[in-house]
PDB file of N, CA and C in Angstrom:
ATOM      1  N   MET A   1     -19.198  15.758 -15.428  1.00  0.00           N
ATOM      2  CA  MET A   1     -19.041  14.881 -14.475  1.00  0.00           C
ATOM      3  C   MET A   1     -19.442  13.276 -14.406  1.00  0.00           C
ATOM      4  N   HIS A   2     -19.514  13.148 -15.655  1.00  0.00           N
ATOM      5  CA  HIS A   2     -19.143  11.676 -15.818  1.00  0.00           C
ATOM      6  C   HIS A   2     -17.489  12.036 -15.847  1.00  0.00           C
ATOM      7  N   ASN A   3     -16.929  12.422 -16.625  1.00  0.00           N
ATOM      8  CA  ASN A   3     -15.796  12.424 -16.710  1.00  0.00           C
ATOM      9  C   ASN A   3     -14.725  12.597 -16.022  1.00  0.00           C
ATOM     10  N   VAL A   4     -15.859  12.911 -15.067  1.00  0.00           N
ATOM     11  CA  VAL A   4     -14.771  13.156 -13.751  1.00  0.00           C
ATOM     12  C   VAL A   4     -14.604  12.403 -12.548  1.00  0.00           C
ATOM     13  N   MET A   5     -16.245  10.951 -12.579  1.00  0.00           N
ATOM     14  CA  MET A   5     -16.331  10.009 -12.107  1.00  0.00           C
ATOM     15  C   MET A   5     -15.552   8.770 -12.428  1.00  0.00           C
ATOM     16  N   ILE A   6     -15.122   9.187 -14.141  1.00  0.00           N
ATOM     17  CA  ILE A   6     -14.122   7.421 -14.258  1.00  0.00           C
ATOM     18  C   ILE A   6     -12.981   7.600 -14.100  1.00  0.00           C
ATOM     19  N   ALA A   7     -12.608   9.119 -14.088  1.00  0.00           N
ATOM     20  CA  ALA A   7     -11.000   9.631 -14.233  1.00  0.00           C
ATOM     21  C   ALA A   7     -10.989   8.940 -12.339  1.00  0.00           C
ATOM     22  N   LEU A   8     -11.897   9.401 -11.363  1.00  0.00           N
ATOM     23  CA  LEU A   8     -11.717   8.621 -10.379  1.00  0.00           C
ATOM     24  C   LEU A   8     -12.083   7.712 -10.217  1.00  0.00           C
ATOM     25  N   ILE A   9     -12.724   6.503 -10.619  1.00  0.00           N
ATOM     26  CA  ILE A   9     -13.440   5.785 -11.438  1.00  0.00           C
ATOM     27  C   ILE A   9     -11.358   4.484 -11.106  1.00  0.00           C
ATOM     28  N   GLY A  10     -10.829   5.183 -12.635  1.00  0.00           N
ATOM     29  CA  GLY A  10      -9.668   4.966 -13.081  1.00  0.00           C
ATOM     30  C   GLY A  10      -8.537   5.222 -12.147  1.00  0.00           C
ATOM     31  N   ILE A  11      -8.523   6.329 -11.156  1.00  0.00           N
ATOM     32  CA  ILE A  11      -7.729   6.122  -9.747  1.00  0.00           C
ATOM     33  C   ILE A  11      -7.753   5.342  -8.967  1.00  0.00           C
ATOM     34  N   LEU A  12      -9.072   4.551  -8.951  1.00  0.00           N
ATOM     35  CA  LEU A  12      -9.435   4.053  -7.702  1.00  0.00           C
ATOM     36  C   LEU A  12      -8.544   2.578  -8.076  1.00  0.00           C
ATOM     37  N   MET A  13      -8.611   2.064  -9.596  1.00  0.00           N
ATOM     38  CA  MET A  13      -8.595   1.316  -9.175  1.00  0.00           C
ATOM     39  C   MET A  13      -6.969   1.244  -9.121  1.00  0.00           C
ATOM     40  N   LEU A  14      -6.821   2.314  -9.544  1.00  0.00           N
ATOM     41  CA  LEU A  14      -4.653   2.118 -10.135  1.00  0.00           C
ATOM     42  C   LEU A  14      -3.822   2.138  -8.629  1.00  0.00           C
ATOM     43  N   ALA A  15      -4.894   2.647  -7.594  1.00  0.00           N
ATOM     44  CA  ALA A  15      -4.626   2.908  -6.567  1.00  0.00           C
ATOM     45  C   ALA A  15      -5.075   0.958  -5.431  1.00  0.00           C
ATOM     46  N   THR A  16      -5.873   1.043  -6.139  1.00  0.00           N
ATOM     47  CA  THR A  16      -6.085  -0.763  -5.903  1.00  0.00           C
ATOM     48  C   THR A  16      -5.513  -1.426  -5.961  1.00  0.00           C
ATOM     49  N   LEU A  17      -4.978  -1.605  -6.732  1.00  0.00           N
ATOM     50  CA  LEU A  17      -4.031  -2.450  -7.667  1.00  0.00           C
ATOM     51  C   LEU A  17      -2.555  -2.432  -6.824  1.00  0.00           C
ATOM     52  N   GLY A  18      -2.479  -0.931  -7.077  1.00  0.00           N
ATOM     53  CA  GLY A  18      -1.223  -0.365  -6.556  1.00  0.00           C
ATOM     54  C   GLY A  18      -0.614  -1.260  -4.432  1.00  0.00           C
ATOM     55  N   VAL A  19      -1.406  -1.147  -3.746  1.00  0.00           N
ATOM     56  CA  VAL A  19      -1.907  -1.492  -3.024  1.00  0.00           C
ATOM     57  C   VAL A  19      -2.475  -3.123  -2.406  1.00  0.00           C
ATOM     58  N   LEU A  20      -2.409  -3.622  -3.150  1.00  0.00           N
ATOM     59  CA  LEU A  20      -2.045  -5.122  -3.697  1.00  0.00           C
ATOM     60  C   LEU A  20      -0.900  -5.045  -3.776  1.00  0.00           C
ATOM     61  N   VAL A  21      -0.719  -5.180  -4.271  1.00  0.00           N
ATOM     62  CA  VAL A  21       0.742  -5.465  -5.558  1.00  0.00           C
ATOM     63  C   VAL A  21       1.884  -5.627  -3.950  1.00  0.00           C
ATOM     64  N   ALA A  22       1.463  -4.242  -3.687  1.00  0.00           N
ATOM     65  CA  ALA A  22       2.431  -4.070  -2.143  1.00  0.00           C
ATOM     66  C   ALA A  22       2.195  -4.670  -0.792  1.00  0.00           C
ATOM     67  N   GLY A  23       1.077  -4.825  -0.947  1.00  0.00           N
ATOM     68  CA  GLY A  23       0.577  -6.654   0.384  1.00  0.00           C
ATOM     69  C   GLY A  23       2.073  -7.260  -0.154  1.00  0.00           C
ATOM     70  N   MET A  24       1.051  -8.462  -1.151  1.00  0.00           N
ATOM     71  CA  MET A  24       1.425  -9.260  -1.867  1.00  0.00           C
ATOM     72  C   MET A  24       2.744  -9.570  -1.053  1.00  0.00           C
ATOM     73  N   VAL A  25       3.929  -7.990  -2.361  1.00  0.00           N
ATOM     74  CA  VAL A  25       5.516  -8.314  -1.754  1.00  0.00           C
ATOM     75  C   VAL A  25       5.632  -8.145  -0.566  1.00  0.00           C
ATOM     76  N   GLY A  26       5.486  -7.829   0.341  1.00  0.00           N
ATOM     77  CA  GLY A  26       5.248  -8.691   1.787  1.00  0.00           C
ATOM     78  C   GLY A  26       5.518  -8.760   2.435  1.00  0.00           C
ATOM     79  N   MET A  27       4.068  -9.777   2.475  1.00  0.00           N
ATOM     80  CA  MET A  27       3.904 -10.889   2.405  1.00  0.00           C
ATOM     81  C   MET A  27       4.745 -12.619   2.157  1.00  0.00           C
ATOM     82  N   ALA A  28       5.190 -11.893   0.562  1.00  0.00           N
ATOM     83  CA  ALA A  28       6.103 -13.113   0.366  1.00  0.00           C
ATOM     84  C   ALA A  28       7.821 -12.689   0.663  1.00  0.00           C
ATOM     85  N   ARG A  29       7.877 -11.315   1.226  1.00  0.00           N
ATOM     86  CA  ARG A  29       8.629 -11.316   1.747  1.00  0.00           C
ATOM     87  C   ARG A  29       8.946 -12.106   3.379  1.00  0.00           C
ATOM     88  N   GLU A  30       7.575 -12.112   3.339  1.00  0.00           N
ATOM     89  CA  GLU A  30       7.555 -11.991   5.324  1.00  0.00           C
ATOM     90  C   GLU A  30       8.411 -11.223   5.992  1.00  0.00           C
ATOM     91  N   THR A  31       8.023 -10.020   5.825  1.00  0.00           N
ATOM     92  CA  THR A  31       8.037  -9.503   6.816  1.00  0.00           C
ATOM     93  C   THR A  31       6.733  -8.470   7.858  1.00  0.00           C
ATOM     94  N   ASP A  32       6.881  -7.691   8.203  1.00  0.00           N
ATOM     95  CA  ASP A  32       5.950  -6.956   9.159  1.00  0.00           C
ATOM     96  C   ASP A  32       5.013  -7.616   9.216  1.00  0.00           C
ATOM     97  N   PRO A  33       3.567  -8.513   9.103  1.00  0.00           N
ATOM     98  CA  PRO A  33       2.434  -8.909   8.859  1.00  0.00           C
ATOM     99  C   PRO A  33       1.850  -7.895   8.790  1.00  0.00           C
ATOM    100  N   ARG A  34       2.000  -7.247  10.793  1.00  0.00           N
ATOM    101  CA  ARG A  34       0.732  -6.344  10.558  1.00  0.00           C
ATOM    102  C   ARG A  34       0.500  -5.342   9.596  1.00  0.00           C
ATOM    103  N   ARG A  35       2.171  -4.735   8.598  1.00  0.00           N
ATOM    104  CA  ARG A  35       1.597  -3.791   7.627  1.00  0.00           C
ATOM    105  C   ARG A  35       0.867  -4.488   7.178  1.00  0.00           C
ATOM    106  N   SER A  36       1.099  -5.927   6.495  1.00  0.00           N
ATOM    107  CA  SER A  36       0.292  -6.091   5.630  1.00  0.00           C
ATOM    108  C   SER A  36      -0.912  -7.003   5.816  1.00  0.00           C
ATOM    109  N   ASN A  37      -1.280  -6.480   6.656  1.00  0.00           N
ATOM    110  CA  ASN A  37      -2.823  -6.790   7.274  1.00  0.00           C
ATOM    111  C   ASN A  37      -2.974  -5.438   6.867  1.00  0.00           C
ATOM    112  N   LYS A  38      -2.399  -4.415   7.052  1.00  0.00           N
ATOM    113  CA  LYS A  38      -2.774  -3.002   6.979  1.00  0.00           C
ATOM    114  C   LYS A  38      -3.238  -2.513   5.779  1.00  0.00           C
ATOM    115  N   LEU A  39      -1.971  -3.305   4.858  1.00  0.00           N
ATOM    116  CA  LEU A  39      -1.986  -2.567   3.190  1.00  0.00           C
ATOM    117  C   LEU A  39      -3.397  -3.540   2.808  1.00  0.00           C
ATOM    118  N   MET A  40      -3.746  -4.822   3.250  1.00  0.00           N
ATOM    119  CA  MET A  40      -4.929  -5.597   2.719  1.00  0.00           C
ATOM    120  C   MET A  40      -6.337  -5.245   3.137  1.00  0.00           C
ATOM    121  N   GLN A  41      -5.980  -4.126   4.551  1.00  0.00           N
ATOM    122  CA  GLN A  41      -7.166  -3.671   4.836  1.00  0.00           C
ATOM    123  C   GLN A  41      -7.821  -1.856   3.812  1.00  0.00           C
ATOM    124  N   TRP A  42      -6.388  -1.273   3.361  1.00  0.00           N
ATOM    125  CA  TRP A  42      -7.067  -0.583   3.200  1.00  0.00           C
ATOM    126  C   TRP A  42      -6.985  -1.296   1.292  1.00  0.00           C
ATOM    127  N   ARG A  43      -6.313  -2.050   0.759  1.00  0.00           N
ATOM    128  CA  ARG A  43      -7.454  -2.574  -0.459  1.00  0.00           C
ATOM    129  C   ARG A  43      -8.921  -2.985  -0.669  1.00  0.00           C
ATOM    130  N   VAL A  44      -9.513  -3.624   0.942  1.00  0.00           N
ATOM    131  CA  VAL A  44     -10.761  -3.807   0.580  1.00  0.00           C
ATOM    132  C   VAL A  44     -11.534  -2.311   0.813  1.00  0.00           C
ATOM    133  N   ILE A  45     -10.825  -1.189   1.518  1.00  0.00           N
ATOM    134  CA  ILE A  45     -11.908   0.460   1.386  1.00  0.00           C
ATOM    135  C   ILE A  45     -11.421   0.044  -0.255  1.00  0.00           C
ATOM    136  N   LEU A  46      -9.918   0.550  -0.750  1.00  0.00           N
ATOM    137  CA  LEU A  46      -9.603   1.364  -1.959  1.00  0.00           C
ATOM    138  C   LEU A  46     -11.196   0.219  -2.601  1.00  0.00           C
ATOM    139  N   GLN A  47     -11.152  -1.084  -3.245  1.00  0.00           N
ATOM    140  CA  GLN A  47     -12.393  -1.793  -4.032  1.00  0.00           C
ATOM    141  C   GLN A  47     -13.285  -1.162  -4.068  1.00  0.00           C
ATOM    142  N   GLY A  48     -13.939  -0.954  -2.135  1.00  0.00           N
ATOM    143  CA  GLY A  48     -15.435  -0.796  -2.334  1.00  0.00           C
ATOM    144  C   GLY A  48     -16.108   0.432  -2.501  1.00  0.00           C
ATOM    145  N   ALA A  49     -14.853   0.726  -2.155  1.00  0.00           N
ATOM    146  CA  ALA A  49     -15.046   2.530  -2.821  1.00  0.00           C
ATOM    147  C   ALA A  49     -14.700   2.783  -4.362  1.00  0.00           C
ATOM    148  N   THR A  50     -14.718   2.045  -5.568  1.00  0.00           N
ATOM    149  CA  THR A  50     -14.006   1.870  -6.661  1.00  0.00           C
ATOM    150  C   THR A  50     -15.492   0.957  -7.359  1.00  0.00           C
ATOM    151  N   VAL A  51     -16.971  -0.074  -6.179  1.00  0.00           N
ATOM    152  CA  VAL A  51     -17.557  -0.468  -7.186  1.00  0.00           C
ATOM    153  C   VAL A  51     -18.916   0.411  -6.115  1.00  0.00           C
ATOM    154  N   LEU A  52     -18.571   0.810  -4.922  1.00  0.00           N
ATOM    155  CA  LEU A  52     -19.794   2.081  -4.986  1.00  0.00           C
ATOM    156  C   LEU A  52     -19.659   3.410  -6.459  1.00  0.00           C
ATOM    157  N   LEU A  53     -18.826   3.788  -6.171  1.00  0.00           N
ATOM    158  CA  LEU A  53     -18.586   5.160  -7.204  1.00  0.00           C
ATOM    159  C   LEU A  53     -19.211   4.366  -9.011  1.00  0.00           C
ATOM    160  N   PHE A  54     -19.269   3.339  -8.605  1.00  0.00           N
ATOM    161  CA  PHE A  54     -19.097   2.469 -10.821  1.00  0.00           C
ATOM    162  C   PHE A  54     -20.933   2.019 -10.360  1.00  0.00           C
ATOM    163  N   VAL A  55     -21.284   1.706  -9.476  1.00  0.00           N
ATOM    164  CA  VAL A  55     -22.622   1.519  -9.612  1.00  0.00           C
ATOM    165  C   VAL A  55     -23.327   2.941  -9.664  1.00  0.00           C
ATOM    166  N   ILE A  56     -22.895   4.175  -8.658  1.00  0.00           N
ATOM    167  CA  ILE A  56     -23.287   5.410  -8.877  1.00  0.00           C
ATOM    168  C   ILE A  56     -23.166   5.346 -10.375  1.00  0.00           C
ATOM    169  N   LEU A  57     -21.960   5.625 -10.981  1.00  0.00           N
ATOM    170  CA  LEU A  57     -21.581   6.134 -12.595  1.00  0.00           C
ATOM    171  C   LEU A  57     -22.604   5.520 -13.620  1.00  0.00           C
ATOM    172  N   MET A  58     -23.049   4.423 -12.920  1.00  0.00           N
ATOM    173  CA  MET A  58     -23.847   3.128 -13.875  1.00  0.00           C
ATOM    174  C   MET A  58     -25.607   3.478 -14.058  1.00  0.00           C
ATOM    175  N   SER A  59     -25.993   4.380 -12.367  1.00  0.00           N
ATOM    176  CA  SER A  59     -27.152   4.772 -11.930  1.00  0.00           C
ATOM    177  C   SER A  59     -27.245   6.195 -13.403  1.00  0.00           C
ATOM    178  N   LEU A  60     -26.400   6.789 -13.010  1.00  0.00           N
ATOM    179  CA  LEU A  60     -26.058   7.978 -13.479  1.00  0.00           C
ATOM    180  C   LEU A  60     -26.349   8.073 -15.182  1.00  0.00           C
ATOM    181  N   LEU A  61     -25.929   7.360 -15.278  1.00  0.00           N
ATOM    182  CA  LEU A  61     -26.180   6.847 -17.059  1.00  0.00           C
ATOM    183  C   LEU A  61     -27.000   6.360 -17.657  1.00  0.00           C
ATOM    184  N   ARG A  62     -28.049   5.148 -16.453  1.00  0.00           N
ATOM    185  CA  ARG A  62     -29.211   4.682 -16.967  1.00  0.00           C
ATOM    186  C   ARG A  62     -30.082   5.893 -17.226  1.00  0.00           C
ATOM    187  N   SER A  63     -30.029   6.980 -15.993  1.00  0.00           N
ATOM    188  CA  SER A  63     -31.337   7.351 -16.258  1.00  0.00           C
ATOM    189  C   SER A  63     -31.735   8.414 -17.549  1.00  0.00           C
TER     190      SER A  63
END
């Protein structure tokens, strides 16, 4: 179970990084601002999910 959660955290971290980079590139190119805004919203969602899983994993390891 711990290994699955660690893998999920790693995948979510990479997804967060990918969305962050895509959003920054979009803002730098000054394309559609709605797309950049949507990407940044997804970044926040992915980042929150990553932190939540990390907290859950730490609480499981503590017990």
